[in-house]
Amino acid sequence: GIVLEVAHSYNLSLLLAALVLVAAAIILLSGAVIS
């Protein structure tokens, strides 16, 4: 909602959500390798 107020579009919110998902996948894979 905050990003929508600033950008006046859902595109940035969706891209940020995708980036968070990719970051979580990287953290998960890193943890698996370390383990």
PDB file of all heavy atoms in Angstrom:
ATOM      1  N   GLY A   1       0.819  -1.219   0.000  1.00  0.00           N
ATOM      2  CA  GLY A   1       0.000   0.000   0.000  1.00  0.00           C
ATOM      3  C   GLY A   1       0.851   1.265   0.000  1.00  0.00           C
ATOM      4  O   GLY A   1       0.546   2.230  -0.714  1.00  0.00           O
ATOM      5  N   ILE A   2       1.928   1.246   0.765  1.00  0.00           N
ATOM      6  CA  ILE A   2       2.837   2.402   0.797  1.00  0.00           C
ATOM      7  C   ILE A   2       3.488   2.601  -0.566  1.00  0.00           C
ATOM      8  O   ILE A   2       3.552   3.720  -1.087  1.00  0.00           O
ATOM      9  CB  ILE A   2       3.902   2.219   1.900  1.00  0.00           C
ATOM     10  CG1 ILE A   2       3.228   2.290   3.275  1.00  0.00           C
ATOM     11  CG2 ILE A   2       5.008   3.258   1.779  1.00  0.00           C
ATOM     12  CD1 ILE A   2       4.116   1.865   4.428  1.00  0.00           C
ATOM     13  N   VAL A   3       3.954   1.503  -1.174  1.00  0.00           N
ATOM     14  CA  VAL A   3       4.578   1.593  -2.500  1.00  0.00           C
ATOM     15  C   VAL A   3       3.552   2.056  -3.531  1.00  0.00           C
ATOM     16  O   VAL A   3       3.859   2.867  -4.411  1.00  0.00           O
ATOM     17  CB  VAL A   3       5.216   0.239  -2.893  1.00  0.00           C
ATOM     18  CG1 VAL A   3       5.685   0.247  -4.340  1.00  0.00           C
ATOM     19  CG2 VAL A   3       6.374  -0.093  -1.966  1.00  0.00           C
ATOM     20  N   LEU A   4       2.322   1.580  -3.428  1.00  0.00           N
ATOM     21  CA  LEU A   4       1.257   2.000  -4.344  1.00  0.00           C
ATOM     22  C   LEU A   4       1.002   3.492  -4.235  1.00  0.00           C
ATOM     23  O   LEU A   4       0.823   4.182  -5.252  1.00  0.00           O
ATOM     24  CB  LEU A   4      -0.025   1.216  -4.058  1.00  0.00           C
ATOM     25  CG  LEU A   4      -1.246   1.578  -4.897  1.00  0.00           C
ATOM     26  CD1 LEU A   4      -0.991   1.275  -6.369  1.00  0.00           C
ATOM     27  CD2 LEU A   4      -2.472   0.839  -4.390  1.00  0.00           C
ATOM     28  N   GLU A   5       1.005   4.018  -3.015  1.00  0.00           N
ATOM     29  CA  GLU A   5       0.808   5.465  -2.811  1.00  0.00           C
ATOM     30  C   GLU A   5       1.888   6.273  -3.525  1.00  0.00           C
ATOM     31  O   GLU A   5       1.610   7.310  -4.115  1.00  0.00           O
ATOM     32  CB  GLU A   5       0.850   5.801  -1.316  1.00  0.00           C
ATOM     33  CG  GLU A   5      -0.386   5.426  -0.559  1.00  0.00           C
ATOM     34  CD  GLU A   5      -1.490   6.446  -0.732  1.00  0.00           C
ATOM     35  OE1 GLU A   5      -1.183   7.658  -0.768  1.00  0.00           O
ATOM     36  OE2 GLU A   5      -2.649   6.017  -0.833  1.00  0.00           O
ATOM     37  N   VAL A   6       3.117   5.771  -3.469  1.00  0.00           N
ATOM     38  CA  VAL A   6       4.251   6.508  -4.054  1.00  0.00           C
ATOM     39  C   VAL A   6       4.317   6.305  -5.568  1.00  0.00           C
ATOM     40  O   VAL A   6       4.475   7.267  -6.323  1.00  0.00           O
ATOM     41  CB  VAL A   6       5.577   6.067  -3.398  1.00  0.00           C
ATOM     42  CG1 VAL A   6       6.775   6.670  -4.105  1.00  0.00           C
ATOM     43  CG2 VAL A   6       5.583   6.433  -1.918  1.00  0.00           C
ATOM     44  N   ALA A   7       4.196   5.053  -6.016  1.00  0.00           N
ATOM     45  CA  ALA A   7       4.412   4.733  -7.430  1.00  0.00           C
ATOM     46  C   ALA A   7       3.140   4.807  -8.266  1.00  0.00           C
ATOM     47  O   ALA A   7       3.223   4.813  -9.492  1.00  0.00           O
ATOM     48  CB  ALA A   7       5.021   3.344  -7.548  1.00  0.00           C
ATOM     49  N   HIS A   8       1.972   4.807  -7.644  1.00  0.00           N
ATOM     50  CA  HIS A   8       0.685   4.825  -8.346  1.00  0.00           C
ATOM     51  C   HIS A   8       0.534   3.648  -9.302  1.00  0.00           C
ATOM     52  O   HIS A   8      -0.081   3.752 -10.350  1.00  0.00           O
ATOM     53  CB  HIS A   8       0.480   6.142  -9.103  1.00  0.00           C
ATOM     54  CG  HIS A   8       0.571   7.334  -8.219  1.00  0.00           C
ATOM     55  ND1 HIS A   8      -0.375   7.636  -7.273  1.00  0.00           N
ATOM     56  CD2 HIS A   8       1.522   8.293  -8.114  1.00  0.00           C
ATOM     57  CE1 HIS A   8      -0.026   8.738  -6.633  1.00  0.00           C
ATOM     58  NE2 HIS A   8       1.117   9.158  -7.120  1.00  0.00           N
ATOM     59  N   SER A   9       1.142   2.506  -8.914  1.00  0.00           N
ATOM     60  CA  SER A   9       1.065   1.297  -9.724  1.00  0.00           C
ATOM     61  C   SER A   9       1.412   0.102  -8.843  1.00  0.00           C
ATOM     62  O   SER A   9       2.195   0.232  -7.904  1.00  0.00           O
ATOM     63  CB  SER A   9       2.045   1.386 -10.894  1.00  0.00           C
ATOM     64  OG  SER A   9       2.150   0.141 -11.548  1.00  0.00           O
ATOM     65  N   TYR A  10       0.856  -1.030  -9.177  1.00  0.00           N
ATOM     66  CA  TYR A  10       1.187  -2.255  -8.445  1.00  0.00           C
ATOM     67  C   TYR A  10       2.475  -2.894  -8.954  1.00  0.00           C
ATOM     68  O   TYR A  10       2.990  -3.818  -8.335  1.00  0.00           O
ATOM     69  CB  TYR A  10       0.046  -3.268  -8.560  1.00  0.00           C
ATOM     70  CG  TYR A  10      -1.126  -2.937  -7.682  1.00  0.00           C
ATOM     71  CD1 TYR A  10      -2.296  -2.428  -8.225  1.00  0.00           C
ATOM     72  CD2 TYR A  10      -1.073  -3.132  -6.316  1.00  0.00           C
ATOM     73  CE1 TYR A  10      -3.381  -2.123  -7.427  1.00  0.00           C
ATOM     74  CE2 TYR A  10      -2.146  -2.821  -5.506  1.00  0.00           C
ATOM     75  CZ  TYR A  10      -3.303  -2.317  -6.066  1.00  0.00           C
ATOM     76  OH  TYR A  10      -4.368  -2.014  -5.274  1.00  0.00           O
ATOM     77  N   ASN A  11       2.973  -2.450 -10.094  1.00  0.00           N
ATOM     78  CA  ASN A  11       4.146  -3.085 -10.697  1.00  0.00           C
ATOM     79  C   ASN A  11       5.340  -3.123  -9.747  1.00  0.00           C
ATOM     80  O   ASN A  11       5.991  -4.160  -9.602  1.00  0.00           O
ATOM     81  CB  ASN A  11       4.529  -2.405 -12.005  1.00  0.00           C
ATOM     82  CG  ASN A  11       3.558  -2.701 -13.117  1.00  0.00           C
ATOM     83  OD1 ASN A  11       2.698  -3.576 -12.978  1.00  0.00           O
ATOM     84  ND2 ASN A  11       3.657  -1.978 -14.210  1.00  0.00           N
ATOM     85  N   LEU A  12       5.650  -2.010  -9.102  1.00  0.00           N
ATOM     86  CA  LEU A  12       6.807  -1.969  -8.205  1.00  0.00           C
ATOM     87  C   LEU A  12       6.576  -2.889  -7.008  1.00  0.00           C
ATOM     88  O   LEU A  12       7.499  -3.590  -6.577  1.00  0.00           O
ATOM     89  CB  LEU A  12       7.085  -0.534  -7.756  1.00  0.00           C
ATOM     90  CG  LEU A  12       8.330  -0.335  -6.892  1.00  0.00           C
ATOM     91  CD1 LEU A  12       9.573  -0.850  -7.607  1.00  0.00           C
ATOM     92  CD2 LEU A  12       8.491   1.136  -6.522  1.00  0.00           C
ATOM     93  N   SER A  13       5.366  -2.910  -6.467  1.00  0.00           N
ATOM     94  CA  SER A  13       5.063  -3.810  -5.345  1.00  0.00           C
ATOM     95  C   SER A  13       5.260  -5.264  -5.758  1.00  0.00           C
ATOM     96  O   SER A  13       5.824  -6.063  -5.004  1.00  0.00           O
ATOM     97  CB  SER A  13       3.625  -3.617  -4.879  1.00  0.00           C
ATOM     98  OG  SER A  13       3.458  -2.369  -4.283  1.00  0.00           O
ATOM     99  N   LEU A  14       4.787  -5.619  -6.944  1.00  0.00           N
ATOM    100  CA  LEU A  14       4.938  -6.991  -7.415  1.00  0.00           C
ATOM    101  C   LEU A  14       6.402  -7.348  -7.659  1.00  0.00           C
ATOM    102  O   LEU A  14       6.842  -8.458  -7.334  1.00  0.00           O
ATOM    103  CB  LEU A  14       4.110  -7.203  -8.683  1.00  0.00           C
ATOM    104  CG  LEU A  14       2.596  -7.135  -8.481  1.00  0.00           C
ATOM    105  CD1 LEU A  14       1.880  -7.110  -9.830  1.00  0.00           C
ATOM    106  CD2 LEU A  14       2.107  -8.286  -7.627  1.00  0.00           C
ATOM    107  N   LEU A  15       7.152  -6.422  -8.210  1.00  0.00           N
ATOM    108  CA  LEU A  15       8.586  -6.669  -8.421  1.00  0.00           C
ATOM    109  C   LEU A  15       9.321  -6.805  -7.097  1.00  0.00           C
ATOM    110  O   LEU A  15      10.196  -7.666  -6.947  1.00  0.00           O
ATOM    111  CB  LEU A  15       9.196  -5.553  -9.268  1.00  0.00           C
ATOM    112  CG  LEU A  15       8.809  -5.559 -10.744  1.00  0.00           C
ATOM    113  CD1 LEU A  15       9.330  -4.313 -11.445  1.00  0.00           C
ATOM    114  CD2 LEU A  15       9.334  -6.805 -11.430  1.00  0.00           C
ATOM    115  N   LEU A  16       8.997  -5.968  -6.121  1.00  0.00           N
ATOM    116  CA  LEU A  16       9.628  -6.073  -4.805  1.00  0.00           C
ATOM    117  C   LEU A  16       9.277  -7.408  -4.148  1.00  0.00           C
ATOM    118  O   LEU A  16      10.137  -8.049  -3.534  1.00  0.00           O
ATOM    119  CB  LEU A  16       9.207  -4.910  -3.914  1.00  0.00           C
ATOM    120  CG  LEU A  16       9.808  -3.550  -4.272  1.00  0.00           C
ATOM    121  CD1 LEU A  16       9.191  -2.442  -3.419  1.00  0.00           C
ATOM    122  CD2 LEU A  16      11.317  -3.569  -4.102  1.00  0.00           C
ATOM    123  N   ALA A  17       8.030  -7.844  -4.287  1.00  0.00           N
ATOM    124  CA  ALA A  17       7.630  -9.145  -3.734  1.00  0.00           C
ATOM    125  C   ALA A  17       8.419 -10.271  -4.401  1.00  0.00           C
ATOM    126  O   ALA A  17       8.857 -11.220  -3.732  1.00  0.00           O
ATOM    127  CB  ALA A  17       6.134  -9.356  -3.917  1.00  0.00           C
ATOM    128  N   ALA A  18       8.613 -10.173  -5.712  1.00  0.00           N
ATOM    129  CA  ALA A  18       9.393 -11.184  -6.429  1.00  0.00           C
ATOM    130  C   ALA A  18      10.842 -11.181  -5.947  1.00  0.00           C
ATOM    131  O   ALA A  18      11.456 -12.238  -5.770  1.00  0.00           O
ATOM    132  CB  ALA A  18       9.327 -10.938  -7.930  1.00  0.00           C
ATOM    133  N   LEU A  19      11.411  -9.998  -5.710  1.00  0.00           N
ATOM    134  CA  LEU A  19      12.789  -9.908  -5.216  1.00  0.00           C
ATOM    135  C   LEU A  19      12.919 -10.513  -3.821  1.00  0.00           C
ATOM    136  O   LEU A  19      13.899 -11.198  -3.522  1.00  0.00           O
ATOM    137  CB  LEU A  19      13.264  -8.452  -5.209  1.00  0.00           C
ATOM    138  CG  LEU A  19      13.540  -7.848  -6.581  1.00  0.00           C
ATOM    139  CD1 LEU A  19      13.878  -6.363  -6.456  1.00  0.00           C
ATOM    140  CD2 LEU A  19      14.685  -8.587  -7.264  1.00  0.00           C
ATOM    141  N   VAL A  20      11.934 -10.275  -2.967  1.00  0.00           N
ATOM    142  CA  VAL A  20      11.954 -10.869  -1.626  1.00  0.00           C
ATOM    143  C   VAL A  20      11.891 -12.386  -1.740  1.00  0.00           C
ATOM    144  O   VAL A  20      12.596 -13.108  -1.025  1.00  0.00           O
ATOM    145  CB  VAL A  20      10.797 -10.314  -0.767  1.00  0.00           C
ATOM    146  CG1 VAL A  20      10.620 -11.118   0.507  1.00  0.00           C
ATOM    147  CG2 VAL A  20      11.039  -8.852  -0.437  1.00  0.00           C
ATOM    148  N   LEU A  21      11.081 -12.889  -2.647  1.00  0.00           N
ATOM    149  CA  LEU A  21      10.963 -14.328  -2.851  1.00  0.00           C
ATOM    150  C   LEU A  21      12.285 -14.922  -3.348  1.00  0.00           C
ATOM    151  O   LEU A  21      12.727 -15.972  -2.864  1.00  0.00           O
ATOM    152  CB  LEU A  21       9.839 -14.619  -3.851  1.00  0.00           C
ATOM    153  CG  LEU A  21       9.444 -16.065  -4.039  1.00  0.00           C
ATOM    154  CD1 LEU A  21       8.929 -16.660  -2.741  1.00  0.00           C
ATOM    155  CD2 LEU A  21       8.380 -16.160  -5.114  1.00  0.00           C
ATOM    156  N   VAL A  22      12.944 -14.234  -4.280  1.00  0.00           N
ATOM    157  CA  VAL A  22      14.241 -14.704  -4.778  1.00  0.00           C
ATOM    158  C   VAL A  22      15.280 -14.669  -3.662  1.00  0.00           C
ATOM    159  O   VAL A  22      16.074 -15.607  -3.503  1.00  0.00           O
ATOM    160  CB  VAL A  22      14.692 -13.862  -6.000  1.00  0.00           C
ATOM    161  CG1 VAL A  22      16.146 -14.118  -6.344  1.00  0.00           C
ATOM    162  CG2 VAL A  22      13.796 -14.151  -7.196  1.00  0.00           C
ATOM    163  N   ALA A  23      15.281 -13.594  -2.866  1.00  0.00           N
ATOM    164  CA  ALA A  23      16.222 -13.499  -1.743  1.00  0.00           C
ATOM    165  C   ALA A  23      15.994 -14.637  -0.746  1.00  0.00           C
ATOM    166  O   ALA A  23      16.949 -15.248  -0.255  1.00  0.00           O
ATOM    167  CB  ALA A  23      16.082 -12.144  -1.046  1.00  0.00           C
ATOM    168  N   ALA A  24      14.744 -14.949  -0.469  1.00  0.00           N
ATOM    169  CA  ALA A  24      14.432 -16.061   0.443  1.00  0.00           C
ATOM    170  C   ALA A  24      14.926 -17.391  -0.130  1.00  0.00           C
ATOM    171  O   ALA A  24      15.463 -18.227   0.600  1.00  0.00           O
ATOM    172  CB  ALA A  24      12.931 -16.117   0.711  1.00  0.00           C
ATOM    173  N   ALA A  25      14.770 -17.587  -1.431  1.00  0.00           N
ATOM    174  CA  ALA A  25      15.250 -18.820  -2.068  1.00  0.00           C
ATOM    175  C   ALA A  25      16.767 -18.919  -1.972  1.00  0.00           C
ATOM    176  O   ALA A  25      17.316 -20.001  -1.710  1.00  0.00           O
ATOM    177  CB  ALA A  25      14.798 -18.873  -3.526  1.00  0.00           C
ATOM    178  N   ILE A  26      17.459 -17.802  -2.164  1.00  0.00           N
ATOM    179  CA  ILE A  26      18.925 -17.792  -2.063  1.00  0.00           C
ATOM    180  C   ILE A  26      19.361 -18.121  -0.637  1.00  0.00           C
ATOM    181  O   ILE A  26      20.283 -18.912  -0.419  1.00  0.00           O
ATOM    182  CB  ILE A  26      19.488 -16.434  -2.531  1.00  0.00           C
ATOM    183  CG1 ILE A  26      19.313 -16.308  -4.050  1.00  0.00           C
ATOM    184  CG2 ILE A  26      20.959 -16.279  -2.138  1.00  0.00           C
ATOM    185  CD1 ILE A  26      19.590 -14.917  -4.593  1.00  0.00           C
ATOM    186  N   ILE A  27      18.686 -17.535   0.342  1.00  0.00           N
ATOM    187  CA  ILE A  27      19.013 -17.825   1.740  1.00  0.00           C
ATOM    188  C   ILE A  27      18.761 -19.299   2.046  1.00  0.00           C
ATOM    189  O   ILE A  27      19.579 -19.959   2.704  1.00  0.00           O
ATOM    190  CB  ILE A  27      18.193 -16.911   2.682  1.00  0.00           C
ATOM    191  CG1 ILE A  27      18.684 -15.466   2.552  1.00  0.00           C
ATOM    192  CG2 ILE A  27      18.286 -17.386   4.129  1.00  0.00           C
ATOM    193  CD1 ILE A  27      17.779 -14.441   3.210  1.00  0.00           C
ATOM    194  N   LEU A  28      17.654 -19.833   1.559  1.00  0.00           N
ATOM    195  CA  LEU A  28      17.331 -21.237   1.775  1.00  0.00           C
ATOM    196  C   LEU A  28      18.394 -22.142   1.156  1.00  0.00           C
ATOM    197  O   LEU A  28      18.879 -23.077   1.799  1.00  0.00           O
ATOM    198  CB  LEU A  28      15.956 -21.558   1.187  1.00  0.00           C
ATOM    199  CG  LEU A  28      15.521 -23.007   1.273  1.00  0.00           C
ATOM    200  CD1 LEU A  28      15.211 -23.384   2.711  1.00  0.00           C
ATOM    201  CD2 LEU A  28      14.319 -23.244   0.396  1.00  0.00           C
ATOM    202  N   LEU A  29      18.767 -21.872  -0.081  1.00  0.00           N
ATOM    203  CA  LEU A  29      19.777 -22.696  -0.745  1.00  0.00           C
ATOM    204  C   LEU A  29      21.135 -22.573  -0.066  1.00  0.00           C
ATOM    205  O   LEU A  29      21.859 -23.558   0.081  1.00  0.00           O
ATOM    206  CB  LEU A  29      19.879 -22.318  -2.224  1.00  0.00           C
ATOM    207  CG  LEU A  29      18.661 -22.689  -3.064  1.00  0.00           C
ATOM    208  CD1 LEU A  29      18.795 -22.119  -4.474  1.00  0.00           C
ATOM    209  CD2 LEU A  29      18.483 -24.190  -3.117  1.00  0.00           C
ATOM    210  N   SER A  30      21.485 -21.369   0.374  1.00  0.00           N
ATOM    211  CA  SER A  30      22.748 -21.174   1.094  1.00  0.00           C
ATOM    212  C   SER A  30      22.751 -21.987   2.384  1.00  0.00           C
ATOM    213  O   SER A  30      23.750 -22.625   2.727  1.00  0.00           O
ATOM    214  CB  SER A  30      22.964 -19.693   1.424  1.00  0.00           C
ATOM    215  OG  SER A  30      23.028 -18.934   0.254  1.00  0.00           O
ATOM    216  N   GLY A  31      21.643 -21.957   3.099  1.00  0.00           N
ATOM    217  CA  GLY A  31      21.532 -22.743   4.329  1.00  0.00           C
ATOM    218  C   GLY A  31      21.659 -24.230   4.063  1.00  0.00           C
ATOM    219  O   GLY A  31      22.293 -24.952   4.831  1.00  0.00           O
ATOM    220  N   ALA A  32      21.075 -24.690   2.974  1.00  0.00           N
ATOM    221  CA  ALA A  32      21.156 -26.113   2.629  1.00  0.00           C
ATOM    222  C   ALA A  32      22.592 -26.502   2.305  1.00  0.00           C
ATOM    223  O   ALA A  32      23.070 -27.566   2.731  1.00  0.00           O
ATOM    224  CB  ALA A  32      20.237 -26.429   1.452  1.00  0.00           C
ATOM    225  N   VAL A  33      23.309 -25.655   1.584  1.00  0.00           N
ATOM    226  CA  VAL A  33      24.706 -25.945   1.240  1.00  0.00           C
ATOM    227  C   VAL A  33      25.565 -25.959   2.498  1.00  0.00           C
ATOM    228  O   VAL A  33      26.364 -26.881   2.708  1.00  0.00           O
ATOM    229  CB  VAL A  33      25.240 -24.910   0.214  1.00  0.00           C
ATOM    230  CG1 VAL A  33      26.743 -25.010   0.065  1.00  0.00           C
ATOM    231  CG2 VAL A  33      24.558 -25.100  -1.124  1.00  0.00           C
ATOM    232  N   ILE A  34      25.390 -24.960   3.352  1.00  0.00           N
ATOM    233  CA  ILE A  34      26.168 -24.891   4.591  1.00  0.00           C
ATOM    234  C   ILE A  34      25.866 -26.097   5.470  1.00  0.00           C
ATOM    235  O   ILE A  34      26.770 -26.709   6.046  1.00  0.00           O
ATOM    236  CB  ILE A  34      25.894 -23.564   5.327  1.00  0.00           C
ATOM    237  CG1 ILE A  34      26.495 -22.401   4.541  1.00  0.00           C
ATOM    238  CG2 ILE A  34      26.442 -23.597   6.751  1.00  0.00           C
ATOM    239  CD1 ILE A  34      26.043 -21.035   5.028  1.00  0.00           C
ATOM    240  N   SER A  35      24.607 -26.461   5.571  1.00  0.00           N
ATOM    241  CA  SER A  35      24.211 -27.609   6.389  1.00  0.00           C
ATOM    242  C   SER A  35      24.829 -28.903   5.866  1.00  0.00           C
ATOM    243  O   SER A  35      25.323 -29.721   6.637  1.00  0.00           O
ATOM    244  CB  SER A  35      22.692 -27.713   6.414  1.00  0.00           C
ATOM    245  OG  SER A  35      22.285 -28.825   7.150  1.00  0.00           O
TER     246      SER A  35
END
